[in-house]
């Protein structure tokens, strides 16, 4: 299956800037949790989405890494 160009770019950037992307997505999730406590359930649902994106990028990156010595 051919990868979408946007997905390929995002995966490549995540591989190069893993710590920055991780901190951004977890910070975004924390921001939505704070907004969720103030404004309601919708922001609490949104707070799970950055964690979901981070986990998908993490597992996708782990599959493509060559672990052979």
PDB file of N, CA and C in Angstrom:
ATOM      1  N   UNK A   1       0.836  -1.182   0.000  1.00  0.00           N
ATOM      2  CA  UNK A   1       0.000   0.000   0.000  1.00  0.00           C
ATOM      3  C   UNK A   1       0.884   1.249   0.000  1.00  0.00           C
ATOM      4  N   UNK A   2       0.564   2.167  -0.852  1.00  0.00           N
ATOM      5  CA  UNK A   2       1.342   3.379  -1.007  1.00  0.00           C
ATOM      6  C   UNK A   2       0.995   4.367   0.118  1.00  0.00           C
ATOM      7  N   UNK A   3       2.023   4.940   0.733  1.00  0.00           N
ATOM      8  CA  UNK A   3       1.781   5.900   1.808  1.00  0.00           C
ATOM      9  C   UNK A   3       1.429   7.262   1.240  1.00  0.00           C
ATOM     10  N   UNK A   4       0.557   7.936   1.935  1.00  0.00           N
ATOM     11  CA  UNK A   4       0.203   9.303   1.589  1.00  0.00           C
ATOM     12  C   UNK A   4       1.425  10.203   1.811  1.00  0.00           C
ATOM     13  N   UNK A   5       1.580  11.224   0.974  1.00  0.00           N
ATOM     14  CA  UNK A   5       2.740  12.116   1.082  1.00  0.00           C
ATOM     15  C   UNK A   5       2.767  12.830   2.431  1.00  0.00           C
ATOM     16  N   UNK A   6       1.614  13.278   2.920  1.00  0.00           N
ATOM     17  CA  UNK A   6       1.554  13.961   4.214  1.00  0.00           C
ATOM     18  C   UNK A   6       1.963  13.025   5.345  1.00  0.00           C
ATOM     19  N   UNK A   7       1.484  11.794   5.320  1.00  0.00           N
ATOM     20  CA  UNK A   7       1.829  10.823   6.362  1.00  0.00           C
ATOM     21  C   UNK A   7       3.323  10.522   6.324  1.00  0.00           C
ATOM     22  N   UNK A   8       3.886  10.417   5.131  1.00  0.00           N
ATOM     23  CA  UNK A   8       5.318  10.158   4.995  1.00  0.00           C
ATOM     24  C   UNK A   8       6.138  11.315   5.560  1.00  0.00           C
ATOM     25  N   UNK A   9       5.722  12.547   5.299  1.00  0.00           N
ATOM     26  CA  UNK A   9       6.435  13.720   5.816  1.00  0.00           C
ATOM     27  C   UNK A   9       6.345  13.781   7.338  1.00  0.00           C
ATOM     28  N   UNK A  10       5.151  13.551   7.880  1.00  0.00           N
ATOM     29  CA  UNK A  10       4.970  13.592   9.335  1.00  0.00           C
ATOM     30  C   UNK A  10       5.779  12.495  10.006  1.00  0.00           C
ATOM     31  N   UNK A  11       5.773  11.289   9.439  1.00  0.00           N
ATOM     32  CA  UNK A  11       6.548  10.184  10.013  1.00  0.00           C
ATOM     33  C   UNK A  11       8.044  10.482   9.972  1.00  0.00           C
ATOM     34  N   UNK A  12       8.503  11.057   8.875  1.00  0.00           N
ATOM     35  CA  UNK A  12       9.920  11.389   8.755  1.00  0.00           C
ATOM     36  C   UNK A  12      10.309  12.471   9.760  1.00  0.00           C
ATOM     37  N   UNK A  13       9.477  13.493   9.901  1.00  0.00           N
ATOM     38  CA  UNK A  13       9.762  14.556  10.872  1.00  0.00           C
ATOM     39  C   UNK A  13       9.723  14.019  12.292  1.00  0.00           C
ATOM     40  N   UNK A  14       8.797  13.098  12.587  1.00  0.00           N
ATOM     41  CA  UNK A  14       8.747  12.525  13.926  1.00  0.00           C
ATOM     42  C   UNK A  14      10.020  11.733  14.213  1.00  0.00           C
ATOM     43  N   UNK A  15      10.527  11.041  13.208  1.00  0.00           N
ATOM     44  CA  UNK A  15      11.756  10.275  13.406  1.00  0.00           C
ATOM     45  C   UNK A  15      12.929  11.199  13.726  1.00  0.00           C
ATOM     46  N   UNK A  16      13.003  12.339  13.050  1.00  0.00           N
ATOM     47  CA  UNK A  16      14.119  13.258  13.273  1.00  0.00           C
ATOM     48  C   UNK A  16      13.965  14.095  14.541  1.00  0.00           C
ATOM     49  N   UNK A  17      12.744  14.493  14.853  1.00  0.00           N
ATOM     50  CA  UNK A  17      12.499  15.383  15.995  1.00  0.00           C
ATOM     51  C   UNK A  17      11.593  14.714  17.020  1.00  0.00           C
ATOM     52  N   UNK A  18      11.958  13.498  17.409  1.00  0.00           N
ATOM     53  CA  UNK A  18      11.089  12.695  18.272  1.00  0.00           C
ATOM     54  C   UNK A  18      10.808  13.373  19.611  1.00  0.00           C
ATOM     55  N   UNK A  19      11.816  13.918  20.258  1.00  0.00           N
ATOM     56  CA  UNK A  19      11.612  14.523  21.574  1.00  0.00           C
ATOM     57  C   UNK A  19      10.754  15.778  21.467  1.00  0.00           C
ATOM     58  N   UNK A  20      10.988  16.598  20.453  1.00  0.00           N
ATOM     59  CA  UNK A  20      10.200  17.818  20.290  1.00  0.00           C
ATOM     60  C   UNK A  20       8.738  17.499  20.007  1.00  0.00           C
ATOM     61  N   UNK A  21       8.501  16.539  19.121  1.00  0.00           N
ATOM     62  CA  UNK A  21       7.118  16.147  18.806  1.00  0.00           C
ATOM     63  C   UNK A  21       6.431  15.547  20.019  1.00  0.00           C
ATOM     64  N   UNK A  22       7.173  14.748  20.779  1.00  0.00           N
ATOM     65  CA  UNK A  22       6.591  14.127  21.975  1.00  0.00           C
ATOM     66  C   UNK A  22       6.189  15.192  22.985  1.00  0.00           C
ATOM     67  N   UNK A  23       7.084  16.145  23.234  1.00  0.00           N
ATOM     68  CA  UNK A  23       6.772  17.193  24.199  1.00  0.00           C
ATOM     69  C   UNK A  23       5.614  18.062  23.723  1.00  0.00           C
ATOM     70  N   UNK A  24       5.556  18.361  22.418  1.00  0.00           N
ATOM     71  CA  UNK A  24       4.466  19.162  21.873  1.00  0.00           C
ATOM     72  C   UNK A  24       3.129  18.434  22.020  1.00  0.00           C
ATOM     73  N   UNK A  25       3.073  17.159  21.633  1.00  0.00           N
ATOM     74  CA  UNK A  25       1.806  16.428  21.694  1.00  0.00           C
ATOM     75  C   UNK A  25       1.354  16.190  23.135  1.00  0.00           C
ATOM     76  N   UNK A  26       2.274  15.880  24.029  1.00  0.00           N
ATOM     77  CA  UNK A  26       1.882  15.691  25.427  1.00  0.00           C
ATOM     78  C   UNK A  26       1.492  17.022  26.078  1.00  0.00           C
ATOM     79  N   UNK A  27       2.164  18.103  25.692  1.00  0.00           N
ATOM     80  CA  UNK A  27       1.778  19.431  26.181  1.00  0.00           C
ATOM     81  C   UNK A  27       0.407  19.843  25.670  1.00  0.00           C
ATOM     82  N   UNK A  28       0.126  19.537  24.403  1.00  0.00           N
ATOM     83  CA  UNK A  28      -1.189  19.816  23.833  1.00  0.00           C
ATOM     84  C   UNK A  28      -2.271  19.024  24.554  1.00  0.00           C
ATOM     85  N   UNK A  29      -1.962  17.779  24.873  1.00  0.00           N
ATOM     86  CA  UNK A  29      -2.908  16.960  25.624  1.00  0.00           C
ATOM     87  C   UNK A  29      -3.164  17.542  27.017  1.00  0.00           C
ATOM     88  N   UNK A  30      -2.105  17.977  27.682  1.00  0.00           N
ATOM     89  CA  UNK A  30      -2.257  18.572  29.012  1.00  0.00           C
ATOM     90  C   UNK A  30      -3.064  19.866  28.937  1.00  0.00           C
ATOM     91  N   UNK A  31      -2.838  20.650  27.899  1.00  0.00           N
ATOM     92  CA  UNK A  31      -3.623  21.875  27.716  1.00  0.00           C
ATOM     93  C   UNK A  31      -5.108  21.580  27.540  1.00  0.00           C
ATOM     94  N   UNK A  32      -5.422  20.555  26.776  1.00  0.00           N
ATOM     95  CA  UNK A  32      -6.826  20.174  26.599  1.00  0.00           C
ATOM     96  C   UNK A  32      -7.439  19.635  27.889  1.00  0.00           C
ATOM     97  N   UNK A  33      -6.644  18.960  28.707  1.00  0.00           N
ATOM     98  CA  UNK A  33      -7.159  18.488  30.004  1.00  0.00           C
ATOM     99  C   UNK A  33      -7.520  19.678  30.882  1.00  0.00           C
ATOM    100  N   UNK A  34      -6.659  20.692  30.903  1.00  0.00           N
ATOM    101  CA  UNK A  34      -6.950  21.889  31.702  1.00  0.00           C
ATOM    102  C   UNK A  34      -8.204  22.578  31.191  1.00  0.00           C
ATOM    103  N   UNK A  35      -8.321  22.711  29.863  1.00  0.00           N
ATOM    104  CA  UNK A  35      -9.536  23.302  29.288  1.00  0.00           C
ATOM    105  C   UNK A  35     -10.757  22.435  29.563  1.00  0.00           C
ATOM    106  N   UNK A  36     -10.556  21.115  29.569  1.00  0.00           N
ATOM    107  CA  UNK A  36     -11.661  20.202  29.856  1.00  0.00           C
ATOM    108  C   UNK A  36     -12.181  20.346  31.267  1.00  0.00           C
ATOM    109  N   UNK A  37     -11.276  20.589  32.208  1.00  0.00           N
ATOM    110  CA  UNK A  37     -11.719  20.804  33.584  1.00  0.00           C
ATOM    111  C   UNK A  37     -12.527  22.085  33.711  1.00  0.00           C
ATOM    112  N   UNK A  38     -12.211  23.055  32.868  1.00  0.00           N
ATOM    113  CA  UNK A  38     -12.901  24.346  32.936  1.00  0.00           C
ATOM    114  C   UNK A  38     -14.183  24.356  32.099  1.00  0.00           C
ATOM    115  N   UNK A  39     -14.125  23.821  30.868  1.00  0.00           N
ATOM    116  CA  UNK A  39     -15.221  24.000  29.923  1.00  0.00           C
ATOM    117  C   UNK A  39     -16.051  22.752  29.620  1.00  0.00           C
ATOM    118  N   UNK A  40     -15.589  21.577  29.985  1.00  0.00           N
ATOM    119  CA  UNK A  40     -16.457  20.426  29.802  1.00  0.00           C
ATOM    120  C   UNK A  40     -15.837  19.237  29.094  1.00  0.00           C
ATOM    121  N   UNK A  41     -16.713  18.283  28.808  1.00  0.00           N
ATOM    122  CA  UNK A  41     -16.319  16.967  28.341  1.00  0.00           C
ATOM    123  C   UNK A  41     -15.681  16.970  26.950  1.00  0.00           C
ATOM    124  N   UNK A  42     -16.058  17.881  26.077  1.00  0.00           N
ATOM    125  CA  UNK A  42     -15.529  17.883  24.716  1.00  0.00           C
ATOM    126  C   UNK A  42     -14.007  18.056  24.715  1.00  0.00           C
ATOM    127  N   UNK A  43     -13.497  18.943  25.550  1.00  0.00           N
ATOM    128  CA  UNK A  43     -12.050  19.147  25.611  1.00  0.00           C
ATOM    129  C   UNK A  43     -11.349  17.947  26.240  1.00  0.00           C
ATOM    130  N   UNK A  44     -12.021  17.235  27.127  1.00  0.00           N
ATOM    131  CA  UNK A  44     -11.432  16.017  27.682  1.00  0.00           C
ATOM    132  C   UNK A  44     -11.312  14.947  26.610  1.00  0.00           C
ATOM    133  N   UNK A  45     -12.267  14.897  25.699  1.00  0.00           N
ATOM    134  CA  UNK A  45     -12.176  13.962  24.573  1.00  0.00           C
ATOM    135  C   UNK A  45     -11.040  14.392  23.646  1.00  0.00           C
ATOM    136  N   UNK A  46     -10.927  15.702  23.399  1.00  0.00           N
ATOM    137  CA  UNK A  46      -9.836  16.211  22.562  1.00  0.00           C
ATOM    138  C   UNK A  46      -8.470  15.934  23.185  1.00  0.00           C
ATOM    139  N   UNK A  47      -8.403  15.847  24.509  1.00  0.00           N
ATOM    140  CA  UNK A  47      -7.115  15.632  25.159  1.00  0.00           C
ATOM    141  C   UNK A  47      -6.558  14.243  24.872  1.00  0.00           C
ATOM    142  N   UNK A  48      -7.412  13.305  24.490  1.00  0.00           N
ATOM    143  CA  UNK A  48      -6.937  11.962  24.177  1.00  0.00           C
ATOM    144  C   UNK A  48      -6.355  11.887  22.763  1.00  0.00           C
ATOM    145  N   UNK A  49      -6.785  12.764  21.868  1.00  0.00           N
ATOM    146  CA  UNK A  49      -6.352  12.699  20.472  1.00  0.00           C
ATOM    147  C   UNK A  49      -4.845  12.902  20.274  1.00  0.00           C
ATOM    148  N   UNK A  50      -4.189  13.885  20.925  1.00  0.00           N
ATOM    149  CA  UNK A  50      -2.729  13.995  20.748  1.00  0.00           C
ATOM    150  C   UNK A  50      -1.975  12.764  21.248  1.00  0.00           C
ATOM    151  N   UNK A  51      -2.460  12.138  22.310  1.00  0.00           N
ATOM    152  CA  UNK A  51      -1.821  10.922  22.814  1.00  0.00           C
ATOM    153  C   UNK A  51      -1.994   9.791  21.803  1.00  0.00           C
ATOM    154  N   UNK A  52      -3.151   9.727  21.177  1.00  0.00           N
ATOM    155  CA  UNK A  52      -3.403   8.712  20.152  1.00  0.00           C
ATOM    156  C   UNK A  52      -2.482   8.926  18.949  1.00  0.00           C
ATOM    157  N   UNK A  53      -2.340  10.163  18.504  1.00  0.00           N
ATOM    158  CA  UNK A  53      -1.441  10.466  17.377  1.00  0.00           C
ATOM    159  C   UNK A  53      -0.007  10.131  17.748  1.00  0.00           C
ATOM    160  N   UNK A  54       0.415  10.482  18.949  1.00  0.00           N
ATOM    161  CA  UNK A  54       1.773  10.186  19.395  1.00  0.00           C
ATOM    162  C   UNK A  54       2.020   8.683  19.405  1.00  0.00           C
ATOM    163  N   UNK A  55       1.065   7.908  19.915  1.00  0.00           N
ATOM    164  CA  UNK A  55       1.267   6.460  19.973  1.00  0.00           C
ATOM    165  C   UNK A  55       1.300   5.846  18.573  1.00  0.00           C
ATOM    166  N   UNK A  56       0.473   6.346  17.649  1.00  0.00           N
ATOM    167  CA  UNK A  56       0.519   5.840  16.279  1.00  0.00           C
ATOM    168  C   UNK A  56       1.854   6.150  15.622  1.00  0.00           C
ATOM    169  N   UNK A  57       2.354   7.364  15.809  1.00  0.00           N
ATOM    170  CA  UNK A  57       3.660   7.711  15.249  1.00  0.00           C
ATOM    171  C   UNK A  57       4.776   6.896  15.892  1.00  0.00           C
ATOM    172  N   UNK A  58       4.680   6.673  17.192  1.00  0.00           N
ATOM    173  CA  UNK A  58       5.710   5.921  17.900  1.00  0.00           C
ATOM    174  C   UNK A  58       5.764   4.481  17.400  1.00  0.00           C
ATOM    175  N   UNK A  59       4.608   3.815  17.286  1.00  0.00           N
ATOM    176  CA  UNK A  59       4.601   2.426  16.840  1.00  0.00           C
ATOM    177  C   UNK A  59       4.954   2.312  15.367  1.00  0.00           C
ATOM    178  N   UNK A  60       4.581   3.284  14.549  1.00  0.00           N
ATOM    179  CA  UNK A  60       4.956   3.281  13.146  1.00  0.00           C
ATOM    180  C   UNK A  60       6.466   3.437  12.999  1.00  0.00           C
ATOM    181  N   UNK A  61       7.060   4.302  13.802  1.00  0.00           N
ATOM    182  CA  UNK A  61       8.500   4.527  13.750  1.00  0.00           C
ATOM    183  C   UNK A  61       9.254   3.304  14.250  1.00  0.00           C
ATOM    184  N   UNK A  62       8.730   2.628  15.245  1.00  0.00           N
ATOM    185  CA  UNK A  62       9.393   1.453  15.791  1.00  0.00           C
ATOM    186  C   UNK A  62       9.412   0.301  14.790  1.00  0.00           C
ATOM    187  N   UNK A  63       8.373   0.186  13.982  1.00  0.00           N
ATOM    188  CA  UNK A  63       8.324  -0.883  12.987  1.00  0.00           C
ATOM    189  C   UNK A  63       9.341  -0.670  11.879  1.00  0.00           C
ATOM    190  N   UNK A  64       9.609   0.556  11.515  1.00  0.00           N
ATOM    191  CA  UNK A  64      10.482   0.829  10.388  1.00  0.00           C
ATOM    192  C   UNK A  64      11.948   0.903  10.797  1.00  0.00           C
ATOM    193  N   UNK A  65      12.234   0.869  12.081  1.00  0.00           N
ATOM    194  CA  UNK A  65      13.620   0.936  12.529  1.00  0.00           C
ATOM    195  C   UNK A  65      14.281  -0.427  12.407  1.00  0.00           C
ATOM    196  N   UNK A  66      15.462  -0.443  11.857  1.00  0.00           N
ATOM    197  CA  UNK A  66      16.208  -1.689  11.727  1.00  0.00           C
ATOM    198  C   UNK A  66      16.889  -1.984  13.052  1.00  0.00           C
ATOM    199  N   UNK A  67      16.527  -3.093  13.696  1.00  0.00           N
ATOM    200  CA  UNK A  67      17.072  -3.413  15.017  1.00  0.00           C
ATOM    201  C   UNK A  67      18.130  -4.490  14.945  1.00  0.00           C
ATOM    202  N   UNK A  68      18.496  -4.939  13.759  1.00  0.00           N
ATOM    203  CA  UNK A  68      19.511  -5.980  13.649  1.00  0.00           C
ATOM    204  C   UNK A  68      20.889  -5.388  13.927  1.00  0.00           C
ATOM    205  N   UNK A  69      21.757  -6.205  14.502  1.00  0.00           N
ATOM    206  CA  UNK A  69      23.101  -5.730  14.829  1.00  0.00           C
ATOM    207  C   UNK A  69      24.071  -6.049  13.720  1.00  0.00           C
TER     208      UNK A  69
END
